[in-house]
């Protein structure tokens, strides 16, 4: 298993968890770009947005249903941004579908 996020899910690499259930793990980014920077990942390996299929789309819906709860529990009551990168040109650094919840201050319009 060479996927960093799969190793975090397996408990091989520690993380500061923000949320967890049977299908989803959310944890604080180790190099935050904003005061609150949480990554939300499916526990099943999906390489990127391009890997979403009818068979695994329900987990993505579950992630988006959880994001507002995760953001609220992190104190993001005045707004936040949700970002995902897909592929090399978008600078996807870990080839495991993940969504960044970013906030805690006024974010610039061109950030993202």
PDB file of N, CA and C in Angstrom:
ATOM      1  N   UNK A   1       0.868  -1.177   0.000  1.00  0.00           N
ATOM      2  CA  UNK A   1       0.000   0.000   0.000  1.00  0.00           C
ATOM      3  C   UNK A   1       0.906   1.228   0.000  1.00  0.00           C
ATOM      4  N   UNK A   2       0.971   1.899  -1.127  1.00  0.00           N
ATOM      5  CA  UNK A   2       1.835   3.073  -1.222  1.00  0.00           C
ATOM      6  C   UNK A   2       1.055   4.384  -1.186  1.00  0.00           C
ATOM      7  N   UNK A   3      -0.252   4.323  -0.996  1.00  0.00           N
ATOM      8  CA  UNK A   3      -1.072   5.531  -0.919  1.00  0.00           C
ATOM      9  C   UNK A   3      -0.992   6.106   0.496  1.00  0.00           C
ATOM     10  N   UNK A   4      -0.527   7.338   0.592  1.00  0.00           N
ATOM     11  CA  UNK A   4      -0.393   8.014   1.879  1.00  0.00           C
ATOM     12  C   UNK A   4      -1.706   8.012   2.653  1.00  0.00           C
ATOM     13  N   UNK A   5      -2.803   8.355   2.004  1.00  0.00           N
ATOM     14  CA  UNK A   5      -4.082   8.443   2.704  1.00  0.00           C
ATOM     15  C   UNK A   5      -4.599   7.072   3.106  1.00  0.00           C
ATOM     16  N   UNK A   6      -4.350   6.047   2.307  1.00  0.00           N
ATOM     17  CA  UNK A   6      -4.737   4.690   2.709  1.00  0.00           C
ATOM     18  C   UNK A   6      -3.964   4.272   3.954  1.00  0.00           C
ATOM     19  N   UNK A   7      -2.716   4.695   4.048  1.00  0.00           N
ATOM     20  CA  UNK A   7      -1.903   4.381   5.229  1.00  0.00           C
ATOM     21  C   UNK A   7      -2.406   5.145   6.463  1.00  0.00           C
ATOM     22  N   UNK A   8      -2.893   6.366   6.265  1.00  0.00           N
ATOM     23  CA  UNK A   8      -3.500   7.114   7.370  1.00  0.00           C
ATOM     24  C   UNK A   8      -4.780   6.409   7.822  1.00  0.00           C
ATOM     25  N   UNK A   9      -5.610   5.994   6.878  1.00  0.00           N
ATOM     26  CA  UNK A   9      -6.850   5.276   7.199  1.00  0.00           C
ATOM     27  C   UNK A   9      -6.535   4.006   7.987  1.00  0.00           C
ATOM     28  N   UNK A  10      -5.492   3.299   7.595  1.00  0.00           N
ATOM     29  CA  UNK A  10      -5.104   2.046   8.253  1.00  0.00           C
ATOM     30  C   UNK A  10      -4.462   2.275   9.621  1.00  0.00           C
ATOM     31  N   UNK A  11      -4.172   3.527   9.970  1.00  0.00           N
ATOM     32  CA  UNK A  11      -3.559   3.835  11.251  1.00  0.00           C
ATOM     33  C   UNK A  11      -2.048   3.692  11.259  1.00  0.00           C
ATOM     34  N   UNK A  12      -1.449   3.480  10.085  1.00  0.00           N
ATOM     35  CA  UNK A  12       0.003   3.347   9.987  1.00  0.00           C
ATOM     36  C   UNK A  12       0.705   4.698  10.136  1.00  0.00           C
ATOM     37  N   UNK A  13       0.004   5.756   9.770  1.00  0.00           N
ATOM     38  CA  UNK A  13       0.524   7.123   9.891  1.00  0.00           C
ATOM     39  C   UNK A  13      -0.472   7.891  10.758  1.00  0.00           C
ATOM     40  N   UNK A  14       0.000   8.555  11.799  1.00  0.00           N
ATOM     41  CA  UNK A  14      -0.930   9.278  12.678  1.00  0.00           C
ATOM     42  C   UNK A  14      -1.519  10.512  11.990  1.00  0.00           C
ATOM     43  N   UNK A  15      -2.697  10.884  12.454  1.00  0.00           N
ATOM     44  CA  UNK A  15      -3.346  12.104  11.969  1.00  0.00           C
ATOM     45  C   UNK A  15      -4.152  12.702  13.110  1.00  0.00           C
ATOM     46  N   UNK A  16      -4.416  13.987  12.992  1.00  0.00           N
ATOM     47  CA  UNK A  16      -5.282  14.671  13.958  1.00  0.00           C
ATOM     48  C   UNK A  16      -6.691  14.649  13.374  1.00  0.00           C
ATOM     49  N   UNK A  17      -7.487  13.709  13.846  1.00  0.00           N
ATOM     50  CA  UNK A  17      -8.816  13.493  13.279  1.00  0.00           C
ATOM     51  C   UNK A  17      -9.777  14.614  13.645  1.00  0.00           C
ATOM     52  N   UNK A  18     -10.594  14.984  12.656  1.00  0.00           N
ATOM     53  CA  UNK A  18     -11.656  15.957  12.866  1.00  0.00           C
ATOM     54  C   UNK A  18     -13.024  15.271  12.836  1.00  0.00           C
ATOM     55  N   UNK A  19     -13.097  14.114  12.157  1.00  0.00           N
ATOM     56  CA  UNK A  19     -14.353  13.377  12.008  1.00  0.00           C
ATOM     57  C   UNK A  19     -14.017  11.999  11.470  1.00  0.00           C
ATOM     58  N   UNK A  20     -14.804  11.024  11.888  1.00  0.00           N
ATOM     59  CA  UNK A  20     -14.647   9.682  11.326  1.00  0.00           C
ATOM     60  C   UNK A  20     -15.947   8.920  11.476  1.00  0.00           C
ATOM     61  N   UNK A  21     -16.283   8.159  10.440  1.00  0.00           N
ATOM     62  CA  UNK A  21     -17.364   7.187  10.516  1.00  0.00           C
ATOM     63  C   UNK A  21     -16.912   5.955   9.731  1.00  0.00           C
ATOM     64  N   UNK A  22     -17.806   5.063   9.428  1.00  0.00           N
ATOM     65  CA  UNK A  22     -17.429   3.823   8.738  1.00  0.00           C
ATOM     66  C   UNK A  22     -16.871   4.053   7.340  1.00  0.00           C
ATOM     67  N   UNK A  23     -17.256   5.163   6.691  1.00  0.00           N
ATOM     68  CA  UNK A  23     -16.909   5.390   5.293  1.00  0.00           C
ATOM     69  C   UNK A  23     -15.980   6.569   5.037  1.00  0.00           C
ATOM     70  N   UNK A  24     -15.873   7.475   6.007  1.00  0.00           N
ATOM     71  CA  UNK A  24     -15.200   8.762   5.803  1.00  0.00           C
ATOM     72  C   UNK A  24     -14.199   9.016   6.930  1.00  0.00           C
ATOM     73  N   UNK A  25     -13.096   9.643   6.570  1.00  0.00           N
ATOM     74  CA  UNK A  25     -12.153  10.147   7.564  1.00  0.00           C
ATOM     75  C   UNK A  25     -11.860  11.602   7.218  1.00  0.00           C
ATOM     76  N   UNK A  26     -11.896  12.461   8.226  1.00  0.00           N
ATOM     77  CA  UNK A  26     -11.513  13.862   8.056  1.00  0.00           C
ATOM     78  C   UNK A  26     -10.421  14.154   9.073  1.00  0.00           C
ATOM     79  N   UNK A  27      -9.362  14.813   8.612  1.00  0.00           N
ATOM     80  CA  UNK A  27      -8.238  15.109   9.493  1.00  0.00           C
ATOM     81  C   UNK A  27      -7.612  16.439   9.105  1.00  0.00           C
ATOM     82  N   UNK A  28      -6.906  17.038  10.054  1.00  0.00           N
ATOM     83  CA  UNK A  28      -6.284  18.339   9.839  1.00  0.00           C
ATOM     84  C   UNK A  28      -5.050  18.193   8.950  1.00  0.00           C
ATOM     85  N   UNK A  29      -4.935  19.079   7.979  1.00  0.00           N
ATOM     86  CA  UNK A  29      -3.787  19.089   7.064  1.00  0.00           C
ATOM     87  C   UNK A  29      -2.518  19.396   7.849  1.00  0.00           C
ATOM     88  N   UNK A  30      -1.426  18.693   7.540  1.00  0.00           N
ATOM     89  CA  UNK A  30      -0.171  18.924   8.271  1.00  0.00           C
ATOM     90  C   UNK A  30       0.539  20.199   7.815  1.00  0.00           C
ATOM     91  N   UNK A  31       0.129  20.751   6.681  1.00  0.00           N
ATOM     92  CA  UNK A  31       0.692  22.016   6.188  1.00  0.00           C
ATOM     93  C   UNK A  31      -0.465  22.948   5.821  1.00  0.00           C
ATOM     94  N   UNK A  32      -1.199  23.427   6.827  1.00  0.00           N
ATOM     95  CA  UNK A  32      -2.414  24.202   6.545  1.00  0.00           C
ATOM     96  C   UNK A  32      -2.133  25.498   5.787  1.00  0.00           C
ATOM     97  N   UNK A  33      -3.018  25.792   4.842  1.00  0.00           N
ATOM     98  CA  UNK A  33      -2.931  27.030   4.072  1.00  0.00           C
ATOM     99  C   UNK A  33      -3.865  28.099   4.620  1.00  0.00           C
ATOM    100  N   UNK A  34      -4.726  27.715   5.529  1.00  0.00           N
ATOM    101  CA  UNK A  34      -5.647  28.627   6.197  1.00  0.00           C
ATOM    102  C   UNK A  34      -5.707  28.218   7.669  1.00  0.00           C
ATOM    103  N   UNK A  35      -6.245  29.070   8.546  1.00  0.00           N
ATOM    104  CA  UNK A  35      -6.302  28.693   9.963  1.00  0.00           C
ATOM    105  C   UNK A  35      -6.996  27.349  10.213  1.00  0.00           C
ATOM    106  N   UNK A  36      -8.032  27.062   9.458  1.00  0.00           N
ATOM    107  CA  UNK A  36      -8.672  25.742   9.501  1.00  0.00           C
ATOM    108  C   UNK A  36      -8.493  25.122   8.125  1.00  0.00           C
ATOM    109  N   UNK A  37      -7.850  23.959   8.090  1.00  0.00           N
ATOM    110  CA  UNK A  37      -7.601  23.257   6.823  1.00  0.00           C
ATOM    111  C   UNK A  37      -7.735  21.768   7.112  1.00  0.00           C
ATOM    112  N   UNK A  38      -8.885  21.230   6.750  1.00  0.00           N
ATOM    113  CA  UNK A  38      -9.213  19.834   7.025  1.00  0.00           C
ATOM    114  C   UNK A  38      -9.373  19.094   5.702  1.00  0.00           C
ATOM    115  N   UNK A  39      -8.824  17.887   5.643  1.00  0.00           N
ATOM    116  CA  UNK A  39      -8.981  17.020   4.477  1.00  0.00           C
ATOM    117  C   UNK A  39     -10.056  15.986   4.779  1.00  0.00           C
ATOM    118  N   UNK A  40     -10.947  15.767   3.821  1.00  0.00           N
ATOM    119  CA  UNK A  40     -12.014  14.775   3.973  1.00  0.00           C
ATOM    120  C   UNK A  40     -11.820  13.744   2.869  1.00  0.00           C
ATOM    121  N   UNK A  41     -11.702  12.469   3.284  1.00  0.00           N
ATOM    122  CA  UNK A  41     -11.412  11.406   2.317  1.00  0.00           C
ATOM    123  C   UNK A  41     -12.360  10.229   2.498  1.00  0.00           C
ATOM    124  N   UNK A  42     -12.636   9.521   1.405  1.00  0.00           N
ATOM    125  CA  UNK A  42     -13.354   8.259   1.555  1.00  0.00           C
ATOM    126  C   UNK A  42     -12.382   7.197   2.056  1.00  0.00           C
ATOM    127  N   UNK A  43     -12.870   6.263   2.847  1.00  0.00           N
ATOM    128  CA  UNK A  43     -12.003   5.191   3.326  1.00  0.00           C
ATOM    129  C   UNK A  43     -11.709   4.167   2.233  1.00  0.00           C
ATOM    130  N   UNK A  44     -12.534   4.118   1.235  1.00  0.00           N
ATOM    131  CA  UNK A  44     -12.256   3.274   0.074  1.00  0.00           C
ATOM    132  C   UNK A  44     -11.365   4.083  -0.875  1.00  0.00           C
ATOM    133  N   UNK A  45     -10.401   3.435  -1.483  1.00  0.00           N
ATOM    134  CA  UNK A  45      -9.476   4.157  -2.364  1.00  0.00           C
ATOM    135  C   UNK A  45     -10.164   4.491  -3.685  1.00  0.00           C
ATOM    136  N   UNK A  46     -10.277   5.780  -3.953  1.00  0.00           N
ATOM    137  CA  UNK A  46     -10.726   6.318  -5.238  1.00  0.00           C
ATOM    138  C   UNK A  46      -9.613   7.276  -5.643  1.00  0.00           C
ATOM    139  N   UNK A  47      -8.991   7.093  -6.807  1.00  0.00           N
ATOM    140  CA  UNK A  47      -7.809   7.884  -7.139  1.00  0.00           C
ATOM    141  C   UNK A  47      -8.041   9.393  -7.275  1.00  0.00           C
ATOM    142  N   UNK A  48      -9.189   9.796  -7.783  1.00  0.00           N
ATOM    143  CA  UNK A  48      -9.475  11.214  -8.000  1.00  0.00           C
ATOM    144  C   UNK A  48     -10.931  11.358  -8.404  1.00  0.00           C
ATOM    145  N   UNK A  49     -11.338  12.565  -8.726  1.00  0.00           N
ATOM    146  CA  UNK A  49     -12.695  12.793  -9.228  1.00  0.00           C
ATOM    147  C   UNK A  49     -12.942  11.931 -10.472  1.00  0.00           C
ATOM    148  N   UNK A  50     -11.908  11.741 -11.285  1.00  0.00           N
ATOM    149  CA  UNK A  50     -12.058  10.901 -12.478  1.00  0.00           C
ATOM    150  C   UNK A  50     -12.379   9.451 -12.152  1.00  0.00           C
ATOM    151  N   UNK A  51     -12.147   9.032 -10.906  1.00  0.00           N
ATOM    152  CA  UNK A  51     -12.430   7.662 -10.496  1.00  0.00           C
ATOM    153  C   UNK A  51     -13.813   7.473  -9.897  1.00  0.00           C
ATOM    154  N   UNK A  52     -14.620   8.530  -9.867  1.00  0.00           N
ATOM    155  CA  UNK A  52     -15.975   8.410  -9.338  1.00  0.00           C
ATOM    156  C   UNK A  52     -16.844   7.724 -10.386  1.00  0.00           C
ATOM    157  N   UNK A  53     -17.549   6.683  -9.940  1.00  0.00           N
ATOM    158  CA  UNK A  53     -18.412   5.888 -10.825  1.00  0.00           C
ATOM    159  C   UNK A  53     -19.792   5.766 -10.186  1.00  0.00           C
ATOM    160  N   UNK A  54     -20.756   5.243 -10.926  1.00  0.00           N
ATOM    161  CA  UNK A  54     -22.059   4.984 -10.299  1.00  0.00           C
ATOM    162  C   UNK A  54     -21.954   4.050  -9.088  1.00  0.00           C
ATOM    163  N   UNK A  55     -20.970   3.171  -9.088  1.00  0.00           N
ATOM    164  CA  UNK A  55     -20.813   2.227  -7.975  1.00  0.00           C
ATOM    165  C   UNK A  55     -20.271   2.871  -6.701  1.00  0.00           C
ATOM    166  N   UNK A  56     -19.507   3.967  -6.815  1.00  0.00           N
ATOM    167  CA  UNK A  56     -18.943   4.586  -5.602  1.00  0.00           C
ATOM    168  C   UNK A  56     -19.433   6.016  -5.370  1.00  0.00           C
ATOM    169  N   UNK A  57     -20.342   6.495  -6.187  1.00  0.00           N
ATOM    170  CA  UNK A  57     -20.810   7.882  -6.064  1.00  0.00           C
ATOM    171  C   UNK A  57     -21.524   8.147  -4.738  1.00  0.00           C
ATOM    172  N   UNK A  58     -22.101   7.140  -4.142  1.00  0.00           N
ATOM    173  CA  UNK A  58     -22.818   7.344  -2.879  1.00  0.00           C
ATOM    174  C   UNK A  58     -21.865   7.808  -1.775  1.00  0.00           C
ATOM    175  N   UNK A  59     -20.624   7.360  -1.795  1.00  0.00           N
ATOM    176  CA  UNK A  59     -19.669   7.782  -0.776  1.00  0.00           C
ATOM    177  C   UNK A  59     -19.346   9.271  -0.943  1.00  0.00           C
ATOM    178  N   UNK A  60     -19.312   9.744  -2.174  1.00  0.00           N
ATOM    179  CA  UNK A  60     -19.064  11.168  -2.414  1.00  0.00           C
ATOM    180  C   UNK A  60     -20.252  11.988  -1.902  1.00  0.00           C
ATOM    181  N   UNK A  61     -21.449  11.497  -2.128  1.00  0.00           N
ATOM    182  CA  UNK A  61     -22.635  12.179  -1.588  1.00  0.00           C
ATOM    183  C   UNK A  61     -22.584  12.204  -0.070  1.00  0.00           C
ATOM    184  N   UNK A  62     -22.141  11.106   0.535  1.00  0.00           N
ATOM    185  CA  UNK A  62     -22.033  11.049   1.997  1.00  0.00           C
ATOM    186  C   UNK A  62     -20.986  12.048   2.501  1.00  0.00           C
ATOM    187  N   UNK A  63     -19.890  12.180   1.764  1.00  0.00           N
ATOM    188  CA  UNK A  63     -18.865  13.163   2.137  1.00  0.00           C
ATOM    189  C   UNK A  63     -19.459  14.570   2.123  1.00  0.00           C
ATOM    190  N   UNK A  64     -20.187  14.895   1.066  1.00  0.00           N
ATOM    191  CA  UNK A  64     -20.756  16.243   0.975  1.00  0.00           C
ATOM    192  C   UNK A  64     -21.858  16.473   2.002  1.00  0.00           C
ATOM    193  N   UNK A  65     -22.526  15.429   2.458  1.00  0.00           N
ATOM    194  CA  UNK A  65     -23.490  15.586   3.542  1.00  0.00           C
ATOM    195  C   UNK A  65     -22.774  15.817   4.869  1.00  0.00           C
ATOM    196  N   UNK A  66     -21.562  15.274   5.018  1.00  0.00           N
ATOM    197  CA  UNK A  66     -20.799  15.421   6.263  1.00  0.00           C
ATOM    198  C   UNK A  66     -20.033  16.738   6.335  1.00  0.00           C
ATOM    199  N   UNK A  67     -19.659  17.298   5.195  1.00  0.00           N
ATOM    200  CA  UNK A  67     -18.819  18.502   5.191  1.00  0.00           C
ATOM    201  C   UNK A  67     -19.404  19.642   6.025  1.00  0.00           C
ATOM    202  N   UNK A  68     -20.688  19.988   5.914  1.00  0.00           N
ATOM    203  CA  UNK A  68     -21.195  21.083   6.754  1.00  0.00           C
ATOM    204  C   UNK A  68     -21.064  20.801   8.256  1.00  0.00           C
ATOM    205  N   UNK A  69     -21.246  19.561   8.661  1.00  0.00           N
ATOM    206  CA  UNK A  69     -21.103  19.196  10.072  1.00  0.00           C
ATOM    207  C   UNK A  69     -19.645  19.319  10.514  1.00  0.00           C
ATOM    208  N   UNK A  70     -18.726  18.863   9.660  1.00  0.00           N
ATOM    209  CA  UNK A  70     -17.298  18.947   9.972  1.00  0.00           C
ATOM    210  C   UNK A  70     -16.883  20.412  10.083  1.00  0.00           C
ATOM    211  N   UNK A  71     -17.330  21.218   9.124  1.00  0.00           N
ATOM    212  CA  UNK A  71     -16.994  22.647   9.133  1.00  0.00           C
ATOM    213  C   UNK A  71     -17.543  23.329  10.381  1.00  0.00           C
ATOM    214  N   UNK A  72     -18.782  23.043  10.730  1.00  0.00           N
ATOM    215  CA  UNK A  72     -19.385  23.657  11.916  1.00  0.00           C
ATOM    216  C   UNK A  72     -18.637  23.243  13.180  1.00  0.00           C
ATOM    217  N   UNK A  73     -18.266  21.980  13.269  1.00  0.00           N
ATOM    218  CA  UNK A  73     -17.561  21.526  14.477  1.00  0.00           C
ATOM    219  C   UNK A  73     -16.161  22.136  14.568  1.00  0.00           C
ATOM    220  N   UNK A  74     -15.621  22.594  13.438  1.00  0.00           N
ATOM    221  CA  UNK A  74     -14.313  23.263  13.424  1.00  0.00           C
ATOM    222  C   UNK A  74     -14.451  24.766  13.639  1.00  0.00           C
ATOM    223  N   UNK A  75     -15.686  25.235  13.847  1.00  0.00           N
ATOM    224  CA  UNK A  75     -15.911  26.649  14.124  1.00  0.00           C
ATOM    225  C   UNK A  75     -16.067  27.519  12.894  1.00  0.00           C
ATOM    226  N   UNK A  76     -16.259  26.919  11.746  1.00  0.00           N
ATOM    227  CA  UNK A  76     -16.392  27.701  10.508  1.00  0.00           C
ATOM    228  C   UNK A  76     -17.843  28.131  10.326  1.00  0.00           C
ATOM    229  N   UNK A  77     -18.245  29.138  11.086  1.00  0.00           N
ATOM    230  CA  UNK A  77     -19.632  29.598  11.082  1.00  0.00           C
ATOM    231  C   UNK A  77     -19.881  30.745  10.113  1.00  0.00           C
ATOM    232  N   UNK A  78     -18.807  31.310   9.545  1.00  0.00           N
ATOM    233  CA  UNK A  78     -18.971  32.450   8.642  1.00  0.00           C
ATOM    234  C   UNK A  78     -18.557  32.109   7.214  1.00  0.00           C
ATOM    235  N   UNK A  79     -18.481  30.835   6.920  1.00  0.00           N
ATOM    236  CA  UNK A  79     -18.159  30.403   5.573  1.00  0.00           C
ATOM    237  C   UNK A  79     -16.853  29.633   5.491  1.00  0.00           C
ATOM    238  N   UNK A  80     -16.703  28.907   4.402  1.00  0.00           N
ATOM    239  CA  UNK A  80     -15.518  28.094   4.148  1.00  0.00           C
ATOM    240  C   UNK A  80     -15.495  27.731   2.673  1.00  0.00           C
ATOM    241  N   UNK A  81     -14.390  27.198   2.244  1.00  0.00           N
ATOM    242  CA  UNK A  81     -14.229  26.775   0.854  1.00  0.00           C
ATOM    243  C   UNK A  81     -13.982  25.274   0.823  1.00  0.00           C
ATOM    244  N   UNK A  82     -14.538  24.597  -0.189  1.00  0.00           N
ATOM    245  CA  UNK A  82     -14.294  23.177  -0.413  1.00  0.00           C
ATOM    246  C   UNK A  82     -13.611  23.049  -1.765  1.00  0.00           C
ATOM    247  N   UNK A  83     -12.427  22.416  -1.755  1.00  0.00           N
ATOM    248  CA  UNK A  83     -11.612  22.332  -2.964  1.00  0.00           C
ATOM    249  C   UNK A  83     -11.170  20.889  -3.171  1.00  0.00           C
ATOM    250  N   UNK A  84     -11.115  20.466  -4.428  1.00  0.00           N
ATOM    251  CA  UNK A  84     -10.470  19.206  -4.774  1.00  0.00           C
ATOM    252  C   UNK A  84      -9.657  19.417  -6.037  1.00  0.00           C
ATOM    253  N   UNK A  85      -8.563  18.714  -6.137  1.00  0.00           N
ATOM    254  CA  UNK A  85      -7.709  18.771  -7.326  1.00  0.00           C
ATOM    255  C   UNK A  85      -7.801  17.424  -8.029  1.00  0.00           C
ATOM    256  N   UNK A  86      -7.738  17.464  -9.346  1.00  0.00           N
ATOM    257  CA  UNK A  86      -7.856  16.236 -10.129  1.00  0.00           C
ATOM    258  C   UNK A  86      -6.766  16.210 -11.190  1.00  0.00           C
ATOM    259  N   UNK A  87      -5.766  15.375 -10.969  1.00  0.00           N
ATOM    260  CA  UNK A  87      -4.725  15.168 -11.972  1.00  0.00           C
ATOM    261  C   UNK A  87      -3.526  16.084 -11.841  1.00  0.00           C
ATOM    262  N   UNK A  88      -2.564  15.823 -12.698  1.00  0.00           N
ATOM    263  CA  UNK A  88      -1.266  16.511 -12.658  1.00  0.00           C
ATOM    264  C   UNK A  88      -1.386  18.020 -12.866  1.00  0.00           C
ATOM    265  N   UNK A  89      -2.151  18.448 -13.864  1.00  0.00           N
ATOM    266  CA  UNK A  89      -2.250  19.881 -14.149  1.00  0.00           C
ATOM    267  C   UNK A  89      -2.911  20.660 -13.014  1.00  0.00           C
ATOM    268  N   UNK A  90      -3.695  19.969 -12.198  1.00  0.00           N
ATOM    269  CA  UNK A  90      -4.334  20.610 -11.049  1.00  0.00           C
ATOM    270  C   UNK A  90      -3.496  20.461  -9.781  1.00  0.00           C
ATOM    271  N   UNK A  91      -2.321  19.847  -9.916  1.00  0.00           N
ATOM    272  CA  UNK A  91      -1.393  19.651  -8.786  1.00  0.00           C
ATOM    273  C   UNK A  91      -1.966  18.739  -7.711  1.00  0.00           C
ATOM    274  N   UNK A  92      -2.655  17.671  -8.133  1.00  0.00           N
ATOM    275  CA  UNK A  92      -3.123  16.685  -7.161  1.00  0.00           C
ATOM    276  C   UNK A  92      -1.910  15.959  -6.604  1.00  0.00           C
ATOM    277  N   UNK A  93      -1.599  16.189  -5.331  1.00  0.00           N
ATOM    278  CA  UNK A  93      -0.372  15.657  -4.749  1.00  0.00           C
ATOM    279  C   UNK A  93      -0.521  14.238  -4.219  1.00  0.00           C
ATOM    280  N   UNK A  94      -1.707  13.865  -3.768  1.00  0.00           N
ATOM    281  CA  UNK A  94      -1.954  12.503  -3.295  1.00  0.00           C
ATOM    282  C   UNK A  94      -3.051  11.915  -4.177  1.00  0.00           C
ATOM    283  N   UNK A  95      -2.772  10.790  -4.779  1.00  0.00           N
ATOM    284  CA  UNK A  95      -3.707  10.166  -5.718  1.00  0.00           C
ATOM    285  C   UNK A  95      -4.766   9.346  -4.985  1.00  0.00           C
ATOM    286  N   UNK A  96      -5.478  10.031  -4.109  1.00  0.00           N
ATOM    287  CA  UNK A  96      -6.619   9.474  -3.365  1.00  0.00           C
ATOM    288  C   UNK A  96      -7.602  10.628  -3.261  1.00  0.00           C
ATOM    289  N   UNK A  97      -8.812  10.428  -3.727  1.00  0.00           N
ATOM    290  CA  UNK A  97      -9.816  11.490  -3.716  1.00  0.00           C
ATOM    291  C   UNK A  97      -9.869  12.152  -2.341  1.00  0.00           C
ATOM    292  N   UNK A  98      -9.762  13.470  -2.337  1.00  0.00           N
ATOM    293  CA  UNK A  98      -9.854  14.212  -1.083  1.00  0.00           C
ATOM    294  C   UNK A  98     -10.381  15.615  -1.339  1.00  0.00           C
ATOM    295  N   UNK A  99     -11.047  16.111  -0.322  1.00  0.00           N
ATOM    296  CA  UNK A  99     -11.632  17.437  -0.384  1.00  0.00           C
ATOM    297  C   UNK A  99     -11.043  18.268   0.754  1.00  0.00           C
ATOM    298  N   UNK A 100     -10.593  19.465   0.422  1.00  0.00           N
ATOM    299  CA  UNK A 100     -10.049  20.391   1.406  1.00  0.00           C
ATOM    300  C   UNK A 100     -11.180  21.282   1.903  1.00  0.00           C
ATOM    301  N   UNK A 101     -11.366  21.337   3.217  1.00  0.00           N
ATOM    302  CA  UNK A 101     -12.245  22.333   3.837  1.00  0.00           C
ATOM    303  C   UNK A 101     -11.305  23.406   4.362  1.00  0.00           C
ATOM    304  N   UNK A 102     -11.461  24.618   3.851  1.00  0.00           N
ATOM    305  CA  UNK A 102     -10.538  25.695   4.207  1.00  0.00           C
ATOM    306  C   UNK A 102     -11.315  26.915   4.679  1.00  0.00           C
ATOM    307  N   UNK A 103     -10.859  27.496   5.781  1.00  0.00           N
ATOM    308  CA  UNK A 103     -11.527  28.687   6.293  1.00  0.00           C
ATOM    309  C   UNK A 103     -10.839  29.192   7.544  1.00  0.00           C
ATOM    310  N   UNK A 104     -11.591  29.964   8.301  1.00  0.00           N
ATOM    311  CA  UNK A 104     -11.060  30.545   9.520  1.00  0.00           C
ATOM    312  C   UNK A 104     -10.621  31.989   9.351  1.00  0.00           C
ATOM    313  N   UNK A 105     -10.730  32.496   8.155  1.00  0.00           N
ATOM    314  CA  UNK A 105     -10.447  33.896   7.846  1.00  0.00           C
ATOM    315  C   UNK A 105     -11.088  34.211   6.495  1.00  0.00           C
ATOM    316  N   UNK A 106     -11.151  35.473   6.151  1.00  0.00           N
ATOM    317  CA  UNK A 106     -11.651  35.872   4.834  1.00  0.00           C
ATOM    318  C   UNK A 106     -10.675  35.356   3.784  1.00  0.00           C
ATOM    319  N   UNK A 107     -11.171  34.564   2.847  1.00  0.00           N
ATOM    320  CA  UNK A 107     -10.308  33.985   1.813  1.00  0.00           C
ATOM    321  C   UNK A 107     -10.312  34.847   0.557  1.00  0.00           C
ATOM    322  N   UNK A 108      -9.160  34.947  -0.107  1.00  0.00           N
ATOM    323  CA  UNK A 108      -9.124  35.730  -1.332  1.00  0.00           C
ATOM    324  C   UNK A 108      -9.920  35.053  -2.435  1.00  0.00           C
ATOM    325  N   UNK A 109     -10.496  35.867  -3.305  1.00  0.00           N
ATOM    326  CA  UNK A 109     -11.303  35.320  -4.395  1.00  0.00           C
ATOM    327  C   UNK A 109     -10.497  34.430  -5.322  1.00  0.00           C
ATOM    328  N   UNK A 110      -9.221  34.739  -5.540  1.00  0.00           N
ATOM    329  CA  UNK A 110      -8.420  33.978  -6.509  1.00  0.00           C
ATOM    330  C   UNK A 110      -7.738  32.769  -5.906  1.00  0.00           C
ATOM    331  N   UNK A 111      -7.973  32.498  -4.640  1.00  0.00           N
ATOM    332  CA  UNK A 111      -7.399  31.312  -4.010  1.00  0.00           C
ATOM    333  C   UNK A 111      -8.282  30.120  -4.318  1.00  0.00           C
ATOM    334  N   UNK A 112      -7.685  29.037  -4.693  1.00  0.00           N
ATOM    335  CA  UNK A 112      -8.550  27.893  -4.876  1.00  0.00           C
ATOM    336  C   UNK A 112      -8.027  26.938  -5.827  1.00  0.00           C
TER     337      UNK A 112
END
